[in-house]
């Protein structure tokens, strides 16, 4: 049974970027605030600022609560919000 549970490495794997105007919030489930680890601050800021400049959101995969989940990452203020999605 333990072999079927994915391991969490606390990373997000970005699959694609889409224009924010194409995001329909009907699919939103739960939002999570994202923060960088101690060594990822510069990359976090570059990603957030690039997404703001291009007005895009990122579709990513992450292990949350022992399941692989699809999340939508969006810039929000000085951070990023990852929202779980209501579809597979």
PDB file of N, CA and C in Angstrom:
ATOM      1  N   UNK A   1       0.822  -1.199   0.000  1.00  0.00           N
ATOM      2  CA  UNK A   1       0.000   0.000   0.000  1.00  0.00           C
ATOM      3  C   UNK A   1       0.863   1.260   0.000  1.00  0.00           C
ATOM      4  N   UNK A   2       1.933   1.303   0.788  1.00  0.00           N
ATOM      5  CA  UNK A   2       2.774   2.492   0.880  1.00  0.00           C
ATOM      6  C   UNK A   2       3.434   2.823  -0.452  1.00  0.00           C
ATOM      7  N   UNK A   3       3.644   1.843  -1.301  1.00  0.00           N
ATOM      8  CA  UNK A   3       4.286   2.086  -2.595  1.00  0.00           C
ATOM      9  C   UNK A   3       3.394   2.905  -3.522  1.00  0.00           C
ATOM     10  N   UNK A   4       2.090   2.932  -3.286  1.00  0.00           N
ATOM     11  CA  UNK A   4       1.172   3.675  -4.163  1.00  0.00           C
ATOM     12  C   UNK A   4       0.988   5.125  -3.737  1.00  0.00           C
ATOM     13  N   UNK A   5       1.491   5.488  -2.580  1.00  0.00           N
ATOM     14  CA  UNK A   5       1.359   6.860  -2.096  1.00  0.00           C
ATOM     15  C   UNK A   5       2.545   7.665  -2.612  1.00  0.00           C
ATOM     16  N   UNK A   6       2.281   8.754  -3.372  1.00  0.00           N
ATOM     17  CA  UNK A   6       3.393   9.542  -3.918  1.00  0.00           C
ATOM     18  C   UNK A   6       4.149  10.267  -2.810  1.00  0.00           C
ATOM     19  N   UNK A   7       5.457  10.395  -2.992  1.00  0.00           N
ATOM     20  CA  UNK A   7       6.288  11.093  -2.030  1.00  0.00           C
ATOM     21  C   UNK A   7       6.210  12.590  -2.261  1.00  0.00           C
ATOM     22  N   UNK A   8       6.098  13.338  -1.204  1.00  0.00           N
ATOM     23  CA  UNK A   8       6.056  14.789  -1.311  1.00  0.00           C
ATOM     24  C   UNK A   8       7.467  15.341  -1.180  1.00  0.00           C
ATOM     25  N   UNK A   9       7.883  16.120  -2.184  1.00  0.00           N
ATOM     26  CA  UNK A   9       9.184  16.772  -2.092  1.00  0.00           C
ATOM     27  C   UNK A   9       9.019  18.287  -1.956  1.00  0.00           C
ATOM     28  N   UNK A  10       7.804  18.730  -1.711  1.00  0.00           N
ATOM     29  CA  UNK A  10       7.463  20.133  -1.478  1.00  0.00           C
ATOM     30  C   UNK A  10       7.837  21.034  -2.652  1.00  0.00           C
ATOM     31  N   UNK A  11       7.707  20.508  -3.855  1.00  0.00           N
ATOM     32  CA  UNK A  11       7.951  21.315  -5.046  1.00  0.00           C
ATOM     33  C   UNK A  11       6.720  21.302  -5.931  1.00  0.00           C
ATOM     34  N   UNK A  12       6.651  22.287  -6.800  1.00  0.00           N
ATOM     35  CA  UNK A  12       5.591  22.372  -7.800  1.00  0.00           C
ATOM     36  C   UNK A  12       6.224  22.176  -9.167  1.00  0.00           C
ATOM     37  N   UNK A  13       5.614  21.364  -9.987  1.00  0.00           N
ATOM     38  CA  UNK A  13       6.098  21.128 -11.344  1.00  0.00           C
ATOM     39  C   UNK A  13       5.160  21.850 -12.300  1.00  0.00           C
ATOM     40  N   UNK A  14       5.634  22.963 -12.870  1.00  0.00           N
ATOM     41  CA  UNK A  14       4.793  23.767 -13.767  1.00  0.00           C
ATOM     42  C   UNK A  14       4.636  23.038 -15.093  1.00  0.00           C
ATOM     43  N   UNK A  15       3.392  22.858 -15.505  1.00  0.00           N
ATOM     44  CA  UNK A  15       3.051  22.165 -16.743  1.00  0.00           C
ATOM     45  C   UNK A  15       2.850  23.131 -17.908  1.00  0.00           C
ATOM     46  N   UNK A  16       2.222  24.285 -17.635  1.00  0.00           N
ATOM     47  CA  UNK A  16       1.901  25.249 -18.694  1.00  0.00           C
ATOM     48  C   UNK A  16       1.551  26.588 -18.064  1.00  0.00           C
ATOM     49  N   UNK A  17       1.614  27.623 -18.883  1.00  0.00           N
ATOM     50  CA  UNK A  17       1.151  28.950 -18.477  1.00  0.00           C
ATOM     51  C   UNK A  17       0.008  29.348 -19.399  1.00  0.00           C
ATOM     52  N   UNK A  18      -0.993  29.997 -18.824  1.00  0.00           N
ATOM     53  CA  UNK A  18      -2.154  30.427 -19.601  1.00  0.00           C
ATOM     54  C   UNK A  18      -2.485  31.871 -19.243  1.00  0.00           C
ATOM     55  N   UNK A  19      -3.085  32.614 -20.160  1.00  0.00           N
ATOM     56  CA  UNK A  19      -3.489  33.994 -19.844  1.00  0.00           C
ATOM     57  C   UNK A  19      -4.508  33.999 -18.697  1.00  0.00           C
ATOM     58  N   UNK A  20      -4.342  34.935 -17.781  1.00  0.00           N
ATOM     59  CA  UNK A  20      -5.263  35.026 -16.639  1.00  0.00           C
ATOM     60  C   UNK A  20      -6.714  35.208 -17.086  1.00  0.00           C
ATOM     61  N   UNK A  21      -6.921  35.864 -18.226  1.00  0.00           N
ATOM     62  CA  UNK A  21      -8.276  36.091 -18.727  1.00  0.00           C
ATOM     63  C   UNK A  21      -8.988  34.789 -19.088  1.00  0.00           C
ATOM     64  N   UNK A  22      -8.244  33.710 -19.310  1.00  0.00           N
ATOM     65  CA  UNK A  22      -8.839  32.428 -19.674  1.00  0.00           C
ATOM     66  C   UNK A  22      -9.164  31.550 -18.467  1.00  0.00           C
ATOM     67  N   UNK A  23      -8.894  32.035 -17.268  1.00  0.00           N
ATOM     68  CA  UNK A  23      -9.122  31.249 -16.055  1.00  0.00           C
ATOM     69  C   UNK A  23     -10.553  31.446 -15.586  1.00  0.00           C
ATOM     70  N   UNK A  24     -11.290  30.350 -15.474  1.00  0.00           N
ATOM     71  CA  UNK A  24     -12.664  30.395 -14.975  1.00  0.00           C
ATOM     72  C   UNK A  24     -12.655  29.895 -13.534  1.00  0.00           C
ATOM     73  N   UNK A  25     -13.069  30.740 -12.594  1.00  0.00           N
ATOM     74  CA  UNK A  25     -12.993  30.372 -11.181  1.00  0.00           C
ATOM     75  C   UNK A  25     -14.009  29.305 -10.758  1.00  0.00           C
ATOM     76  N   UNK A  26     -14.825  28.823 -11.662  1.00  0.00           N
ATOM     77  CA  UNK A  26     -15.762  27.746 -11.340  1.00  0.00           C
ATOM     78  C   UNK A  26     -15.008  26.466 -10.946  1.00  0.00           C
ATOM     79  N   UNK A  27     -13.761  26.334 -11.399  1.00  0.00           N
ATOM     80  CA  UNK A  27     -12.972  25.141 -11.105  1.00  0.00           C
ATOM     81  C   UNK A  27     -12.172  25.251  -9.811  1.00  0.00           C
ATOM     82  N   UNK A  28     -12.169  26.403  -9.155  1.00  0.00           N
ATOM     83  CA  UNK A  28     -11.350  26.611  -7.965  1.00  0.00           C
ATOM     84  C   UNK A  28     -11.868  25.794  -6.783  1.00  0.00           C
ATOM     85  N   UNK A  29     -10.919  25.255  -6.030  1.00  0.00           N
ATOM     86  CA  UNK A  29     -11.253  24.514  -4.819  1.00  0.00           C
ATOM     87  C   UNK A  29     -10.720  25.289  -3.613  1.00  0.00           C
ATOM     88  N   UNK A  30      -9.498  24.987  -3.166  1.00  0.00           N
ATOM     89  CA  UNK A  30      -8.949  25.633  -1.976  1.00  0.00           C
ATOM     90  C   UNK A  30      -7.661  26.382  -2.313  1.00  0.00           C
ATOM     91  N   UNK A  31      -7.535  27.621  -1.824  1.00  0.00           N
ATOM     92  CA  UNK A  31      -6.308  28.379  -2.065  1.00  0.00           C
ATOM     93  C   UNK A  31      -5.259  28.112  -0.980  1.00  0.00           C
ATOM     94  N   UNK A  32      -3.996  28.171  -1.388  1.00  0.00           N
ATOM     95  CA  UNK A  32      -2.865  28.017  -0.478  1.00  0.00           C
ATOM     96  C   UNK A  32      -1.855  29.112  -0.787  1.00  0.00           C
ATOM     97  N   UNK A  33      -1.327  29.755   0.231  1.00  0.00           N
ATOM     98  CA  UNK A  33      -0.273  30.754   0.042  1.00  0.00           C
ATOM     99  C   UNK A  33       1.046  30.027  -0.165  1.00  0.00           C
ATOM    100  N   UNK A  34       1.790  30.446  -1.176  1.00  0.00           N
ATOM    101  CA  UNK A  34       3.089  29.842  -1.457  1.00  0.00           C
ATOM    102  C   UNK A  34       4.193  30.745  -0.941  1.00  0.00           C
ATOM    103  N   UNK A  35       5.195  30.144  -0.353  1.00  0.00           N
ATOM    104  CA  UNK A  35       6.375  30.866   0.096  1.00  0.00           C
ATOM    105  C   UNK A  35       7.610  30.103  -0.362  1.00  0.00           C
ATOM    106  N   UNK A  36       8.700  30.819  -0.603  1.00  0.00           N
ATOM    107  CA  UNK A  36       9.926  30.126  -1.021  1.00  0.00           C
ATOM    108  C   UNK A  36      10.618  29.474   0.174  1.00  0.00           C
ATOM    109  N   UNK A  37      11.444  28.469  -0.113  1.00  0.00           N
ATOM    110  CA  UNK A  37      12.278  27.936   0.953  1.00  0.00           C
ATOM    111  C   UNK A  37      13.443  28.903   1.158  1.00  0.00           C
ATOM    112  N   UNK A  38      14.342  28.590   2.060  1.00  0.00           N
ATOM    113  CA  UNK A  38      15.428  29.516   2.405  1.00  0.00           C
ATOM    114  C   UNK A  38      16.323  29.851   1.220  1.00  0.00           C
ATOM    115  N   UNK A  39      16.474  28.943   0.279  1.00  0.00           N
ATOM    116  CA  UNK A  39      17.387  29.168  -0.836  1.00  0.00           C
ATOM    117  C   UNK A  39      16.667  29.576  -2.121  1.00  0.00           C
ATOM    118  N   UNK A  40      15.348  29.563  -2.152  1.00  0.00           N
ATOM    119  CA  UNK A  40      14.611  29.813  -3.388  1.00  0.00           C
ATOM    120  C   UNK A  40      14.019  31.196  -3.525  1.00  0.00           C
ATOM    121  N   UNK A  41      14.426  32.132  -2.701  1.00  0.00           N
ATOM    122  CA  UNK A  41      13.819  33.460  -2.715  1.00  0.00           C
ATOM    123  C   UNK A  41      13.951  34.188  -4.036  1.00  0.00           C
ATOM    124  N   UNK A  42      15.133  34.168  -4.628  1.00  0.00           N
ATOM    125  CA  UNK A  42      15.350  34.880  -5.895  1.00  0.00           C
ATOM    126  C   UNK A  42      14.517  34.277  -7.021  1.00  0.00           C
ATOM    127  N   UNK A  43      14.458  32.959  -7.102  1.00  0.00           N
ATOM    128  CA  UNK A  43      13.667  32.289  -8.139  1.00  0.00           C
ATOM    129  C   UNK A  43      12.177  32.567  -7.927  1.00  0.00           C
ATOM    130  N   UNK A  44      11.738  32.576  -6.681  1.00  0.00           N
ATOM    131  CA  UNK A  44      10.344  32.856  -6.350  1.00  0.00           C
ATOM    132  C   UNK A  44       9.948  34.251  -6.839  1.00  0.00           C
ATOM    133  N   UNK A  45      10.779  35.249  -6.548  1.00  0.00           N
ATOM    134  CA  UNK A  45      10.507  36.629  -6.947  1.00  0.00           C
ATOM    135  C   UNK A  45      10.516  36.747  -8.470  1.00  0.00           C
ATOM    136  N   UNK A  46      11.475  36.098  -9.131  1.00  0.00           N
ATOM    137  CA  UNK A  46      11.552  36.157 -10.595  1.00  0.00           C
ATOM    138  C   UNK A  46      10.310  35.536 -11.228  1.00  0.00           C
ATOM    139  N   UNK A  47       9.861  34.397 -10.694  1.00  0.00           N
ATOM    140  CA  UNK A  47       8.662  33.738 -11.214  1.00  0.00           C
ATOM    141  C   UNK A  47       7.435  34.625 -11.008  1.00  0.00           C
ATOM    142  N   UNK A  48       7.257  35.119  -9.805  1.00  0.00           N
ATOM    143  CA  UNK A  48       6.104  35.972  -9.488  1.00  0.00           C
ATOM    144  C   UNK A  48       6.083  37.221 -10.361  1.00  0.00           C
ATOM    145  N   UNK A  49       7.214  37.902 -10.466  1.00  0.00           N
ATOM    146  CA  UNK A  49       7.268  39.136 -11.247  1.00  0.00           C
ATOM    147  C   UNK A  49       7.057  38.868 -12.737  1.00  0.00           C
ATOM    148  N   UNK A  50       7.604  37.762 -13.247  1.00  0.00           N
ATOM    149  CA  UNK A  50       7.399  37.397 -14.649  1.00  0.00           C
ATOM    150  C   UNK A  50       5.944  37.089 -14.946  1.00  0.00           C
ATOM    151  N   UNK A  51       5.292  36.378 -14.026  1.00  0.00           N
ATOM    152  CA  UNK A  51       3.874  36.063 -14.212  1.00  0.00           C
ATOM    153  C   UNK A  51       3.027  37.332 -14.186  1.00  0.00           C
ATOM    154  N   UNK A  52       3.359  38.260 -13.282  1.00  0.00           N
ATOM    155  CA  UNK A  52       2.632  39.539 -13.228  1.00  0.00           C
ATOM    156  C   UNK A  52       2.803  40.312 -14.525  1.00  0.00           C
ATOM    157  N   UNK A  53       4.040  40.413 -14.995  1.00  0.00           N
ATOM    158  CA  UNK A  53       4.336  41.194 -16.195  1.00  0.00           C
ATOM    159  C   UNK A  53       3.603  40.648 -17.413  1.00  0.00           C
ATOM    160  N   UNK A  54       3.556  39.315 -17.549  1.00  0.00           N
ATOM    161  CA  UNK A  54       2.908  38.680 -18.695  1.00  0.00           C
ATOM    162  C   UNK A  54       1.415  38.446 -18.483  1.00  0.00           C
ATOM    163  N   UNK A  55       0.919  38.695 -17.250  1.00  0.00           N
ATOM    164  CA  UNK A  55      -0.479  38.479 -16.886  1.00  0.00           C
ATOM    165  C   UNK A  55      -0.918  37.041 -17.175  1.00  0.00           C
ATOM    166  N   UNK A  56      -0.107  36.093 -16.644  1.00  0.00           N
ATOM    167  CA  UNK A  56      -0.401  34.677 -16.837  1.00  0.00           C
ATOM    168  C   UNK A  56      -0.520  33.970 -15.489  1.00  0.00           C
ATOM    169  N   UNK A  57      -1.169  32.826 -15.535  1.00  0.00           N
ATOM    170  CA  UNK A  57      -1.246  31.902 -14.409  1.00  0.00           C
ATOM    171  C   UNK A  57      -0.545  30.620 -14.851  1.00  0.00           C
ATOM    172  N   UNK A  58      -0.078  29.840 -13.897  1.00  0.00           N
ATOM    173  CA  UNK A  58       0.624  28.601 -14.217  1.00  0.00           C
ATOM    174  C   UNK A  58      -0.171  27.411 -13.708  1.00  0.00           C
ATOM    175  N   UNK A  59      -0.305  26.402 -14.551  1.00  0.00           N
ATOM    176  CA  UNK A  59      -0.903  25.136 -14.134  1.00  0.00           C
ATOM    177  C   UNK A  59       0.251  24.244 -13.698  1.00  0.00           C
ATOM    178  N   UNK A  60       0.148  23.723 -12.488  1.00  0.00           N
ATOM    179  CA  UNK A  60       1.239  22.931 -11.927  1.00  0.00           C
ATOM    180  C   UNK A  60       0.697  21.686 -11.244  1.00  0.00           C
ATOM    181  N   UNK A  61       1.602  20.752 -10.973  1.00  0.00           N
ATOM    182  CA  UNK A  61       1.265  19.518 -10.241  1.00  0.00           C
ATOM    183  C   UNK A  61       2.085  19.495  -8.963  1.00  0.00           C
ATOM    184  N   UNK A  62       1.468  19.028  -7.896  1.00  0.00           N
ATOM    185  CA  UNK A  62       2.145  18.930  -6.607  1.00  0.00           C
ATOM    186  C   UNK A  62       1.520  17.799  -5.809  1.00  0.00           C
ATOM    187  N   UNK A  63       2.278  17.263  -4.878  1.00  0.00           N
ATOM    188  CA  UNK A  63       1.738  16.261  -3.965  1.00  0.00           C
ATOM    189  C   UNK A  63       1.218  16.993  -2.735  1.00  0.00           C
ATOM    190  N   UNK A  64      -0.088  16.908  -2.529  1.00  0.00           N
ATOM    191  CA  UNK A  64      -0.742  17.510  -1.370  1.00  0.00           C
ATOM    192  C   UNK A  64      -1.562  16.446  -0.667  1.00  0.00           C
ATOM    193  N   UNK A  65      -1.311  16.290   0.601  1.00  0.00           N
ATOM    194  CA  UNK A  65      -2.086  15.345   1.394  1.00  0.00           C
ATOM    195  C   UNK A  65      -2.083  13.945   0.775  1.00  0.00           C
ATOM    196  N   UNK A  66      -0.884  13.522   0.358  1.00  0.00           N
ATOM    197  CA  UNK A  66      -0.631  12.162  -0.154  1.00  0.00           C
ATOM    198  C   UNK A  66      -1.310  11.892  -1.497  1.00  0.00           C
ATOM    199  N   UNK A  67      -1.654  12.949  -2.240  1.00  0.00           N
ATOM    200  CA  UNK A  67      -2.238  12.801  -3.584  1.00  0.00           C
ATOM    201  C   UNK A  67      -1.588  13.796  -4.527  1.00  0.00           C
ATOM    202  N   UNK A  68      -1.415  13.408  -5.781  1.00  0.00           N
ATOM    203  CA  UNK A  68      -0.949  14.346  -6.796  1.00  0.00           C
ATOM    204  C   UNK A  68      -2.143  15.207  -7.186  1.00  0.00           C
ATOM    205  N   UNK A  69      -1.968  16.521  -7.054  1.00  0.00           N
ATOM    206  CA  UNK A  69      -3.064  17.445  -7.339  1.00  0.00           C
ATOM    207  C   UNK A  69      -2.645  18.455  -8.393  1.00  0.00           C
ATOM    208  N   UNK A  70      -3.600  18.924  -9.174  1.00  0.00           N
ATOM    209  CA  UNK A  70      -3.389  20.016 -10.110  1.00  0.00           C
ATOM    210  C   UNK A  70      -3.719  21.306  -9.392  1.00  0.00           C
ATOM    211  N   UNK A  71      -2.828  22.287  -9.508  1.00  0.00           N
ATOM    212  CA  UNK A  71      -3.065  23.588  -8.887  1.00  0.00           C
ATOM    213  C   UNK A  71      -2.874  24.681  -9.926  1.00  0.00           C
ATOM    214  N   UNK A  72      -3.520  25.804  -9.698  1.00  0.00           N
ATOM    215  CA  UNK A  72      -3.354  26.977 -10.535  1.00  0.00           C
ATOM    216  C   UNK A  72      -2.610  28.015  -9.699  1.00  0.00           C
ATOM    217  N   UNK A  73      -1.433  28.397 -10.152  1.00  0.00           N
ATOM    218  CA  UNK A  73      -0.623  29.386  -9.445  1.00  0.00           C
ATOM    219  C   UNK A  73      -0.863  30.763 -10.055  1.00  0.00           C
ATOM    220  N   UNK A  74      -1.102  31.749  -9.182  1.00  0.00           N
ATOM    221  CA  UNK A  74      -1.322  33.126  -9.632  1.00  0.00           C
ATOM    222  C   UNK A  74      -0.562  34.077  -8.728  1.00  0.00           C
ATOM    223  N   UNK A  75      -0.013  35.156  -9.300  1.00  0.00           N
ATOM    224  CA  UNK A  75       0.620  36.160  -8.445  1.00  0.00           C
ATOM    225  C   UNK A  75      -0.445  36.869  -7.617  1.00  0.00           C
ATOM    226  N   UNK A  76      -0.095  37.174  -6.391  1.00  0.00           N
ATOM    227  CA  UNK A  76      -1.037  37.867  -5.504  1.00  0.00           C
ATOM    228  C   UNK A  76      -0.224  38.743  -4.560  1.00  0.00           C
ATOM    229  N   UNK A  77      -0.284  40.049  -4.775  1.00  0.00           N
ATOM    230  CA  UNK A  77       0.496  40.962  -3.945  1.00  0.00           C
ATOM    231  C   UNK A  77       1.978  40.655  -4.062  1.00  0.00           C
ATOM    232  N   UNK A  78       2.629  40.432  -2.917  1.00  0.00           N
ATOM    233  CA  UNK A  78       4.054  40.110  -2.903  1.00  0.00           C
ATOM    234  C   UNK A  78       4.314  38.604  -2.905  1.00  0.00           C
ATOM    235  N   UNK A  79       3.264  37.815  -3.126  1.00  0.00           N
ATOM    236  CA  UNK A  79       3.420  36.366  -3.088  1.00  0.00           C
ATOM    237  C   UNK A  79       2.744  35.674  -4.258  1.00  0.00           C
ATOM    238  N   UNK A  80       2.529  34.380  -4.070  1.00  0.00           N
ATOM    239  CA  UNK A  80       1.826  33.549  -5.045  1.00  0.00           C
ATOM    240  C   UNK A  80       0.742  32.773  -4.313  1.00  0.00           C
ATOM    241  N   UNK A  81      -0.356  32.553  -4.999  1.00  0.00           N
ATOM    242  CA  UNK A  81      -1.445  31.727  -4.486  1.00  0.00           C
ATOM    243  C   UNK A  81      -1.534  30.487  -5.383  1.00  0.00           C
ATOM    244  N   UNK A  82      -1.597  29.319  -4.771  1.00  0.00           N
ATOM    245  CA  UNK A  82      -1.838  28.070  -5.506  1.00  0.00           C
ATOM    246  C   UNK A  82      -3.225  27.587  -5.099  1.00  0.00           C
ATOM    247  N   UNK A  83      -4.092  27.445  -6.067  1.00  0.00           N
ATOM    248  CA  UNK A  83      -5.463  27.018  -5.795  1.00  0.00           C
ATOM    249  C   UNK A  83      -5.656  25.628  -6.364  1.00  0.00           C
ATOM    250  N   UNK A  84      -6.095  24.686  -5.527  1.00  0.00           N
ATOM    251  CA  UNK A  84      -6.399  23.346  -6.045  1.00  0.00           C
ATOM    252  C   UNK A  84      -7.602  23.448  -6.945  1.00  0.00           C
ATOM    253  N   UNK A  85      -7.660  22.543  -7.922  1.00  0.00           N
ATOM    254  CA  UNK A  85      -8.694  22.608  -8.931  1.00  0.00           C
ATOM    255  C   UNK A  85      -9.689  21.456  -8.751  1.00  0.00           C
ATOM    256  N   UNK A  86     -10.932  21.677  -9.138  1.00  0.00           N
ATOM    257  CA  UNK A  86     -11.999  20.690  -9.021  1.00  0.00           C
ATOM    258  C   UNK A  86     -12.108  19.802 -10.257  1.00  0.00           C
ATOM    259  N   UNK A  87     -10.982  19.430 -10.846  1.00  0.00           N
ATOM    260  CA  UNK A  87     -10.992  18.498 -11.968  1.00  0.00           C
ATOM    261  C   UNK A  87      -9.683  17.735 -11.951  1.00  0.00           C
ATOM    262  N   UNK A  88      -9.655  16.614 -12.632  1.00  0.00           N
ATOM    263  CA  UNK A  88      -8.419  15.817 -12.704  1.00  0.00           C
ATOM    264  C   UNK A  88      -7.600  16.244 -13.877  1.00  0.00           C
TER     265      UNK A  88
END
